Amino acid sequence: MTPLYLHGLPGSAAELALGLPNLPVLDRAAPSFAQLANALPAGPLHLIGFSLGAACALRLAALAPNKIGKLTLISPAAPLELGEFLPKMAGAPVFRAARSHAQLSVLTAVQSTLVRFSPARMTRMLAKGVSEDEAQLITSKPVQTAVQEGLTTHKATYLREISAYVQPWAQHLGHVTCPVALNHGKADTWAPIEMSEALAARLQNATLHALPDLGHYGALQATLRNIQ
């Protein structure tokens, strides 16, 4: 089974340095999920999605079930309509802004400028309110680089997928037929573990692995180190 990694947003392949740097990365530059699914290589594929990359992986599994053999989802961002998640999400202001194209464009322009000139400052802002171990991961060089590239090199993917994410898409979950492993830190302040619990209840063949004391990037590091 061929593995393909779907990075977080904002993010890039650089975040793989936390645990499995040589994992192949899916190019998500296609203008739509349908076109991205059509361009997938022949299966069976093992899609490994982190955060909003997990949301993309679920859509691809629904669109191309004949190509996807299994999903490993890390700190997955579930459809917002499945629960009252936003009050528990550190990135809630971004997702609220994403419901307006104009607001999202302005916010992303500000973020892109900040991260271009001071990626360290940007990640320090992202690390507020998390555990010391999680803060060390968020402010590490791999994550700094991933966030910087996500808001510059991969900016178009970020804007396209986050705009799609805040719209209802739970209807796609019923078309995901492959086995799904949900790996989620109990201390995640970006995507609360209730998101994986909601996904486990909706997917046909899902197993939830709750990771005690780990946050968003802590779960990524732990899972990457144990990918089969």
C-alpha atoms as a PDB file:
ATOM      1  CA  MET A   1       0.000   0.000   0.000  1.00  0.00           C
ATOM      2  CA  THR A   2       1.463   3.364  -1.045  1.00  0.00           C
ATOM      3  CA  PRO A   3       1.563   6.021   1.713  1.00  0.00           C
ATOM      4  CA  LEU A   4       0.794   9.665   0.934  1.00  0.00           C
ATOM      5  CA  TYR A   5       0.900  12.467   3.509  1.00  0.00           C
ATOM      6  CA  LEU A   6      -1.539  15.392   3.564  1.00  0.00           C
ATOM      7  CA  HIS A   7      -0.075  18.223   5.637  1.00  0.00           C
ATOM      8  CA  GLY A   8      -1.964  20.581   7.891  1.00  0.00           C
ATOM      9  CA  LEU A   9      -3.079  24.107   6.963  1.00  0.00           C
ATOM     10  CA  PRO A  10      -1.191  26.308   7.138  1.00  0.00           C
ATOM     11  CA  GLY A  11       1.532  23.708   6.739  1.00  0.00           C
ATOM     12  CA  SER A  12       3.866  21.870   4.411  1.00  0.00           C
ATOM     13  CA  ALA A  13       6.057  18.790   4.123  1.00  0.00           C
ATOM     14  CA  ALA A  14       8.457  20.476   6.573  1.00  0.00           C
ATOM     15  CA  GLU A  15       6.282  19.352   9.502  1.00  0.00           C
ATOM     16  CA  LEU A  16       7.237  15.740   8.744  1.00  0.00           C
ATOM     17  CA  ALA A  17      10.648  16.419  10.280  1.00  0.00           C
ATOM     18  CA  LEU A  18       8.904  15.927  13.634  1.00  0.00           C
ATOM     19  CA  GLY A  19       8.823  12.183  13.065  1.00  0.00           C
ATOM     20  CA  LEU A  20       8.981  10.746   9.528  1.00  0.00           C
ATOM     21  CA  PRO A  21      10.772  13.126   7.137  1.00  0.00           C
ATOM     22  CA  ASN A  22      10.847  10.839   4.087  1.00  0.00           C
ATOM     23  CA  LEU A  23       7.095  10.229   3.823  1.00  0.00           C
ATOM     24  CA  PRO A  24       5.783  11.066   0.306  1.00  0.00           C
ATOM     25  CA  VAL A  25       3.556  14.161   0.263  1.00  0.00           C
ATOM     26  CA  LEU A  26       0.437  14.636  -1.861  1.00  0.00           C
ATOM     27  CA  ASP A  27       0.504  17.727  -4.076  1.00  0.00           C
ATOM     28  CA  ARG A  28      -2.842  19.456  -3.411  1.00  0.00           C
ATOM     29  CA  ALA A  29      -2.541  22.215  -6.018  1.00  0.00           C
ATOM     30  CA  ALA A  30      -5.573  20.989  -8.008  1.00  0.00           C
ATOM     31  CA  PRO A  31      -8.419  23.563  -8.104  1.00  0.00           C
ATOM     32  CA  SER A  32     -11.038  21.168  -6.677  1.00  0.00           C
ATOM     33  CA  PHE A  33     -11.296  18.023  -4.568  1.00  0.00           C
ATOM     34  CA  ALA A  34     -12.803  16.147  -7.525  1.00  0.00           C
ATOM     35  CA  GLN A  35      -9.831  17.000  -9.731  1.00  0.00           C
ATOM     36  CA  LEU A  36      -7.450  16.086  -6.934  1.00  0.00           C
ATOM     37  CA  ALA A  37      -9.180  12.706  -6.551  1.00  0.00           C
ATOM     38  CA  ASN A  38      -8.982  12.064 -10.299  1.00  0.00           C
ATOM     39  CA  ALA A  39      -5.255  12.819 -10.264  1.00  0.00           C
ATOM     40  CA  LEU A  40      -4.463  10.371  -7.451  1.00  0.00           C
ATOM     41  CA  PRO A  41      -2.086   7.565  -8.439  1.00  0.00           C
ATOM     42  CA  ALA A  42      -3.394   4.026  -8.742  1.00  0.00           C
ATOM     43  CA  GLY A  43      -4.157   2.432  -5.416  1.00  0.00           C
ATOM     44  CA  PRO A  44      -4.313   1.050  -2.969  1.00  0.00           C
ATOM     45  CA  LEU A  45      -3.231   4.214  -1.156  1.00  0.00           C
ATOM     46  CA  HIS A  46      -2.689   4.827   2.538  1.00  0.00           C
ATOM     47  CA  LEU A  47      -3.591   8.482   3.106  1.00  0.00           C
ATOM     48  CA  ILE A  48      -2.117  10.023   6.242  1.00  0.00           C
ATOM     49  CA  GLY A  49      -3.788  13.341   6.991  1.00  0.00           C
ATOM     50  CA  PHE A  50      -2.962  15.861   9.708  1.00  0.00           C
ATOM     51  CA  SER A  51      -5.474  18.427  10.984  1.00  0.00           C
ATOM     52  CA  LEU A  52      -7.132  20.030   7.932  1.00  0.00           C
ATOM     53  CA  GLY A  53      -5.180  17.579   5.794  1.00  0.00           C
ATOM     54  CA  ALA A  54      -7.328  14.903   7.433  1.00  0.00           C
ATOM     55  CA  ALA A  55     -10.463  16.693   6.215  1.00  0.00           C
ATOM     56  CA  CYS A  56      -9.068  16.580   2.686  1.00  0.00           C
ATOM     57  CA  ALA A  57      -8.190  12.885   3.072  1.00  0.00           C
ATOM     58  CA  LEU A  58     -11.779  12.089   4.059  1.00  0.00           C
ATOM     59  CA  ARG A  59     -13.142  13.872   0.987  1.00  0.00           C
ATOM     60  CA  LEU A  60     -10.725  11.990  -1.270  1.00  0.00           C
ATOM     61  CA  ALA A  61     -11.671   8.657   0.299  1.00  0.00           C
ATOM     62  CA  ALA A  62     -15.325   9.442  -0.433  1.00  0.00           C
ATOM     63  CA  LEU A  63     -14.600  10.526  -4.014  1.00  0.00           C
ATOM     64  CA  ALA A  64     -12.154   7.747  -4.936  1.00  0.00           C
ATOM     65  CA  PRO A  65     -13.002   4.702  -2.778  1.00  0.00           C
ATOM     66  CA  ASN A  66     -11.441   2.353  -5.335  1.00  0.00           C
ATOM     67  CA  LYS A  67      -8.035   3.987  -4.818  1.00  0.00           C
ATOM     68  CA  ILE A  68      -7.955   4.409  -1.029  1.00  0.00           C
ATOM     69  CA  GLY A  69      -7.033   1.373   1.065  1.00  0.00           C
ATOM     70  CA  LYS A  70      -6.956   3.038   4.478  1.00  0.00           C
ATOM     71  CA  LEU A  71      -6.773   6.373   6.268  1.00  0.00           C
ATOM     72  CA  THR A  72      -4.662   7.417   9.223  1.00  0.00           C
ATOM     73  CA  LEU A  73      -6.015  10.715  10.510  1.00  0.00           C
ATOM     74  CA  ILE A  74      -4.023  12.734  13.041  1.00  0.00           C
ATOM     75  CA  SER A  75      -5.690  15.498  15.073  1.00  0.00           C
ATOM     76  CA  PRO A  76      -8.433  15.535  12.414  1.00  0.00           C
ATOM     77  CA  ALA A  77     -10.623  18.569  11.812  1.00  0.00           C
ATOM     78  CA  ALA A  78     -14.181  17.221  11.619  1.00  0.00           C
ATOM     79  CA  PRO A  79     -17.100  18.949   9.872  1.00  0.00           C
ATOM     80  CA  LEU A  80     -18.151  21.870  12.051  1.00  0.00           C
ATOM     81  CA  GLU A  81     -21.817  20.904  11.752  1.00  0.00           C
ATOM     82  CA  LEU A  82     -21.193  17.723  13.791  1.00  0.00           C
ATOM     83  CA  GLY A  83     -20.905  19.561  17.106  1.00  0.00           C
ATOM     84  CA  GLU A  84     -20.286  22.746  19.082  1.00  0.00           C
ATOM     85  CA  PHE A  85     -16.565  22.694  18.400  1.00  0.00           C
ATOM     86  CA  LEU A  86     -15.682  26.322  17.709  1.00  0.00           C
ATOM     87  CA  PRO A  87     -15.700  27.517  21.355  1.00  0.00           C
ATOM     88  CA  LYS A  88     -13.014  24.898  22.095  1.00  0.00           C
ATOM     89  CA  MET A  89     -10.838  25.694  19.060  1.00  0.00           C
ATOM     90  CA  ALA A  90      -7.872  28.049  19.370  1.00  0.00           C
ATOM     91  CA  GLY A  91      -8.232  28.862  15.670  1.00  0.00           C
ATOM     92  CA  ALA A  92     -11.928  29.750  15.916  1.00  0.00           C
ATOM     93  CA  PRO A  93     -11.451  33.369  14.705  1.00  0.00           C
ATOM     94  CA  VAL A  94      -9.876  32.077  11.480  1.00  0.00           C
ATOM     95  CA  PHE A  95     -12.734  29.662  10.816  1.00  0.00           C
ATOM     96  CA  ARG A  96     -15.331  32.348  11.495  1.00  0.00           C
ATOM     97  CA  ALA A  97     -13.510  34.698   9.115  1.00  0.00           C
ATOM     98  CA  ALA A  98     -13.333  31.934   6.500  1.00  0.00           C
ATOM     99  CA  ARG A  99     -17.103  32.142   6.062  1.00  0.00           C
ATOM    100  CA  SER A 100     -16.491  35.463   4.310  1.00  0.00           C
ATOM    101  CA  HIS A 101     -14.101  35.456   1.349  1.00  0.00           C
ATOM    102  CA  ALA A 102     -13.210  39.111   1.919  1.00  0.00           C
ATOM    103  CA  GLN A 103     -12.457  38.649   5.627  1.00  0.00           C
ATOM    104  CA  LEU A 104     -10.395  35.526   4.999  1.00  0.00           C
ATOM    105  CA  SER A 105      -8.373  37.243   2.276  1.00  0.00           C
ATOM    106  CA  VAL A 106      -7.536  40.178   4.552  1.00  0.00           C
ATOM    107  CA  LEU A 107      -6.651  37.944   7.505  1.00  0.00           C
ATOM    108  CA  THR A 108      -4.479  35.677   5.359  1.00  0.00           C
ATOM    109  CA  ALA A 109      -2.655  38.676   3.890  1.00  0.00           C
ATOM    110  CA  VAL A 110      -1.796  39.852   7.406  1.00  0.00           C
ATOM    111  CA  GLN A 111      -0.709  36.358   8.464  1.00  0.00           C
ATOM    112  CA  SER A 112       1.402  35.920   5.326  1.00  0.00           C
ATOM    113  CA  THR A 113       3.212  39.200   5.918  1.00  0.00           C
ATOM    114  CA  LEU A 114       3.895  38.379   9.563  1.00  0.00           C
ATOM    115  CA  VAL A 115       5.142  34.862   8.910  1.00  0.00           C
ATOM    116  CA  ARG A 116       7.310  35.974   5.988  1.00  0.00           C
ATOM    117  CA  PHE A 117       9.261  38.415   8.150  1.00  0.00           C
ATOM    118  CA  SER A 118       8.986  36.777  11.569  1.00  0.00           C
ATOM    119  CA  PRO A 119       8.016  33.078  11.543  1.00  0.00           C
ATOM    120  CA  ALA A 120       9.263  32.710  15.120  1.00  0.00           C
ATOM    121  CA  ARG A 121       6.881  35.415  16.339  1.00  0.00           C
ATOM    122  CA  MET A 122       4.009  33.811  14.442  1.00  0.00           C
ATOM    123  CA  THR A 123       4.546  30.400  16.031  1.00  0.00           C
ATOM    124  CA  ARG A 124       4.969  31.939  19.496  1.00  0.00           C
ATOM    125  CA  MET A 125       1.506  33.424  19.039  1.00  0.00           C
ATOM    126  CA  LEU A 126       0.163  30.007  18.009  1.00  0.00           C
ATOM    127  CA  ALA A 127       1.736  28.420  21.096  1.00  0.00           C
ATOM    128  CA  LYS A 128      -0.129  30.554  23.631  1.00  0.00           C
ATOM    129  CA  GLY A 129      -2.133  28.533  26.138  1.00  0.00           C
ATOM    130  CA  VAL A 130      -0.667  25.102  25.354  1.00  0.00           C
ATOM    131  CA  SER A 131       1.532  22.842  27.469  1.00  0.00           C
ATOM    132  CA  GLU A 132       5.287  23.388  27.608  1.00  0.00           C
ATOM    133  CA  ASP A 133       5.951  20.267  25.530  1.00  0.00           C
ATOM    134  CA  GLU A 134       3.410  21.310  22.899  1.00  0.00           C
ATOM    135  CA  ALA A 135       4.815  24.848  22.812  1.00  0.00           C
ATOM    136  CA  GLN A 136       8.285  23.474  22.107  1.00  0.00           C
ATOM    137  CA  LEU A 137       6.917  21.585  19.102  1.00  0.00           C
ATOM    138  CA  ILE A 138       4.936  24.546  17.754  1.00  0.00           C
ATOM    139  CA  THR A 139       7.933  26.881  18.012  1.00  0.00           C
ATOM    140  CA  SER A 140      10.369  24.311  16.588  1.00  0.00           C
ATOM    141  CA  LYS A 141      12.097  24.975  13.270  1.00  0.00           C
ATOM    142  CA  PRO A 142      10.096  22.303  11.350  1.00  0.00           C
ATOM    143  CA  VAL A 143       6.760  23.825  12.368  1.00  0.00           C
ATOM    144  CA  GLN A 144       7.981  27.382  11.789  1.00  0.00           C
ATOM    145  CA  THR A 145       9.002  26.400   8.270  1.00  0.00           C
ATOM    146  CA  ALA A 146       5.747  24.516   7.662  1.00  0.00           C
ATOM    147  CA  VAL A 147       3.582  27.455   8.755  1.00  0.00           C
ATOM    148  CA  GLN A 148       5.682  29.904   6.741  1.00  0.00           C
ATOM    149  CA  GLU A 149       5.469  27.775   3.588  1.00  0.00           C
ATOM    150  CA  GLY A 150       1.772  27.140   4.183  1.00  0.00           C
ATOM    151  CA  LEU A 151       0.989  30.863   4.153  1.00  0.00           C
ATOM    152  CA  THR A 152       3.296  31.680   1.232  1.00  0.00           C
ATOM    153  CA  THR A 153       4.155  28.816  -1.134  1.00  0.00           C
ATOM    154  CA  HIS A 154       0.905  26.914  -0.431  1.00  0.00           C
ATOM    155  CA  LYS A 155      -1.305  29.954   0.160  1.00  0.00           C
ATOM    156  CA  ALA A 156      -3.737  29.068  -2.642  1.00  0.00           C
ATOM    157  CA  THR A 157      -4.300  25.587  -1.192  1.00  0.00           C
ATOM    158  CA  TYR A 158      -4.802  27.097   2.266  1.00  0.00           C
ATOM    159  CA  LEU A 159      -7.433  29.560   1.048  1.00  0.00           C
ATOM    160  CA  ARG A 160      -9.263  26.999  -1.093  1.00  0.00           C
ATOM    161  CA  GLU A 161      -9.437  24.217   1.488  1.00  0.00           C
ATOM    162  CA  ILE A 162     -10.218  26.324   4.541  1.00  0.00           C
ATOM    163  CA  SER A 163     -13.048  28.032   2.628  1.00  0.00           C
ATOM    164  CA  ALA A 164     -14.439  24.591   1.757  1.00  0.00           C
ATOM    165  CA  TYR A 165     -13.936  23.308   5.296  1.00  0.00           C
ATOM    166  CA  VAL A 166     -16.260  25.831   6.951  1.00  0.00           C
ATOM    167  CA  GLN A 167     -19.110  24.839   4.612  1.00  0.00           C
ATOM    168  CA  PRO A 168     -21.191  21.723   5.474  1.00  0.00           C
ATOM    169  CA  TRP A 169     -19.519  18.545   4.210  1.00  0.00           C
ATOM    170  CA  ALA A 170     -20.523  15.798   6.680  1.00  0.00           C
ATOM    171  CA  GLN A 171     -22.598  14.157   3.943  1.00  0.00           C
ATOM    172  CA  HIS A 172     -19.358  12.843   2.420  1.00  0.00           C
ATOM    173  CA  LEU A 173     -18.555  10.731   5.485  1.00  0.00           C
ATOM    174  CA  GLY A 174     -21.125   8.090   4.576  1.00  0.00           C
ATOM    175  CA  HIS A 175     -19.188   7.356   1.380  1.00  0.00           C
ATOM    176  CA  VAL A 176     -15.924   6.563   3.191  1.00  0.00           C
ATOM    177  CA  THR A 177     -15.717   2.761   3.219  1.00  0.00           C
ATOM    178  CA  CYS A 178     -12.057   2.047   4.021  1.00  0.00           C
ATOM    179  CA  PRO A 179     -10.678   1.493   7.552  1.00  0.00           C
ATOM    180  CA  VAL A 180      -9.944   4.761   9.361  1.00  0.00           C
ATOM    181  CA  ALA A 181      -7.577   5.176  12.317  1.00  0.00           C
ATOM    182  CA  LEU A 182      -8.230   8.352  14.316  1.00  0.00           C
ATOM    183  CA  ASN A 183      -5.232   9.472  16.394  1.00  0.00           C
ATOM    184  CA  HIS A 184      -6.076  12.389  18.662  1.00  0.00           C
ATOM    185  CA  GLY A 185      -4.423  14.024  21.654  1.00  0.00           C
ATOM    186  CA  LYS A 186      -6.644  14.544  24.673  1.00  0.00           C
ATOM    187  CA  ALA A 187      -4.979  17.920  25.301  1.00  0.00           C
ATOM    188  CA  ASP A 188      -5.557  19.263  21.773  1.00  0.00           C
ATOM    189  CA  THR A 189      -6.667  22.908  21.889  1.00  0.00           C
ATOM    190  CA  TRP A 190      -6.787  23.360  18.102  1.00  0.00           C
ATOM    191  CA  ALA A 191      -8.993  20.421  17.128  1.00  0.00           C
ATOM    192  CA  PRO A 192     -10.697  19.134  20.300  1.00  0.00           C
ATOM    193  CA  ILE A 193     -10.843  15.358  20.705  1.00  0.00           C
ATOM    194  CA  GLU A 194     -14.633  15.599  20.441  1.00  0.00           C
ATOM    195  CA  MET A 195     -14.025  15.974  16.713  1.00  0.00           C
ATOM    196  CA  SER A 196     -12.556  12.478  16.475  1.00  0.00           C
ATOM    197  CA  GLU A 197     -15.340  11.150  18.686  1.00  0.00           C
ATOM    198  CA  ALA A 198     -17.898  12.620  16.273  1.00  0.00           C
ATOM    199  CA  LEU A 199     -16.068  11.142  13.282  1.00  0.00           C
ATOM    200  CA  ALA A 200     -15.888   7.719  14.934  1.00  0.00           C
ATOM    201  CA  ALA A 201     -19.655   7.805  15.407  1.00  0.00           C
ATOM    202  CA  ARG A 202     -20.317   8.675  11.747  1.00  0.00           C
ATOM    203  CA  LEU A 203     -17.754   6.606   9.847  1.00  0.00           C
ATOM    204  CA  GLN A 204     -18.441   2.984   8.906  1.00  0.00           C
ATOM    205  CA  ASN A 205     -15.097   1.499   9.951  1.00  0.00           C
ATOM    206  CA  ALA A 206     -13.243   3.807  12.330  1.00  0.00           C
ATOM    207  CA  THR A 207     -11.075   3.219  15.393  1.00  0.00           C
ATOM    208  CA  LEU A 208     -10.279   6.055  17.803  1.00  0.00           C
ATOM    209  CA  HIS A 209      -6.890   6.130  19.520  1.00  0.00           C
ATOM    210  CA  ALA A 210      -6.977   8.760  22.279  1.00  0.00           C
ATOM    211  CA  LEU A 211      -3.472   9.943  23.193  1.00  0.00           C
ATOM    212  CA  PRO A 212      -3.234  11.111  26.830  1.00  0.00           C
ATOM    213  CA  ASP A 213      -1.574  14.470  27.548  1.00  0.00           C
ATOM    214  CA  LEU A 214      -0.743  15.172  23.892  1.00  0.00           C
ATOM    215  CA  GLY A 215      -1.727  18.253  21.940  1.00  0.00           C
ATOM    216  CA  HIS A 216      -2.154  18.944  18.228  1.00  0.00           C
ATOM    217  CA  TYR A 217       1.473  18.581  17.177  1.00  0.00           C
ATOM    218  CA  GLY A 218       2.294  16.131  19.944  1.00  0.00           C
ATOM    219  CA  ALA A 219      -0.177  13.700  18.389  1.00  0.00           C
ATOM    220  CA  LEU A 220       1.429  14.300  14.988  1.00  0.00           C
ATOM    221  CA  GLN A 221       4.905  13.512  16.277  1.00  0.00           C
ATOM    222  CA  ALA A 222       3.787  10.410  18.185  1.00  0.00           C
ATOM    223  CA  THR A 223       1.804   9.015  15.250  1.00  0.00           C
ATOM    224  CA  LEU A 224       4.486   9.676  12.640  1.00  0.00           C
ATOM    225  CA  ARG A 225       6.989   7.766  14.748  1.00  0.00           C
ATOM    226  CA  ASN A 226       4.704   4.733  14.725  1.00  0.00           C
ATOM    227  CA  ILE A 227       3.376   4.741  11.144  1.00  0.00           C
ATOM    228  CA  GLN A 228       3.283   1.254   9.650  1.00  0.00           C
END
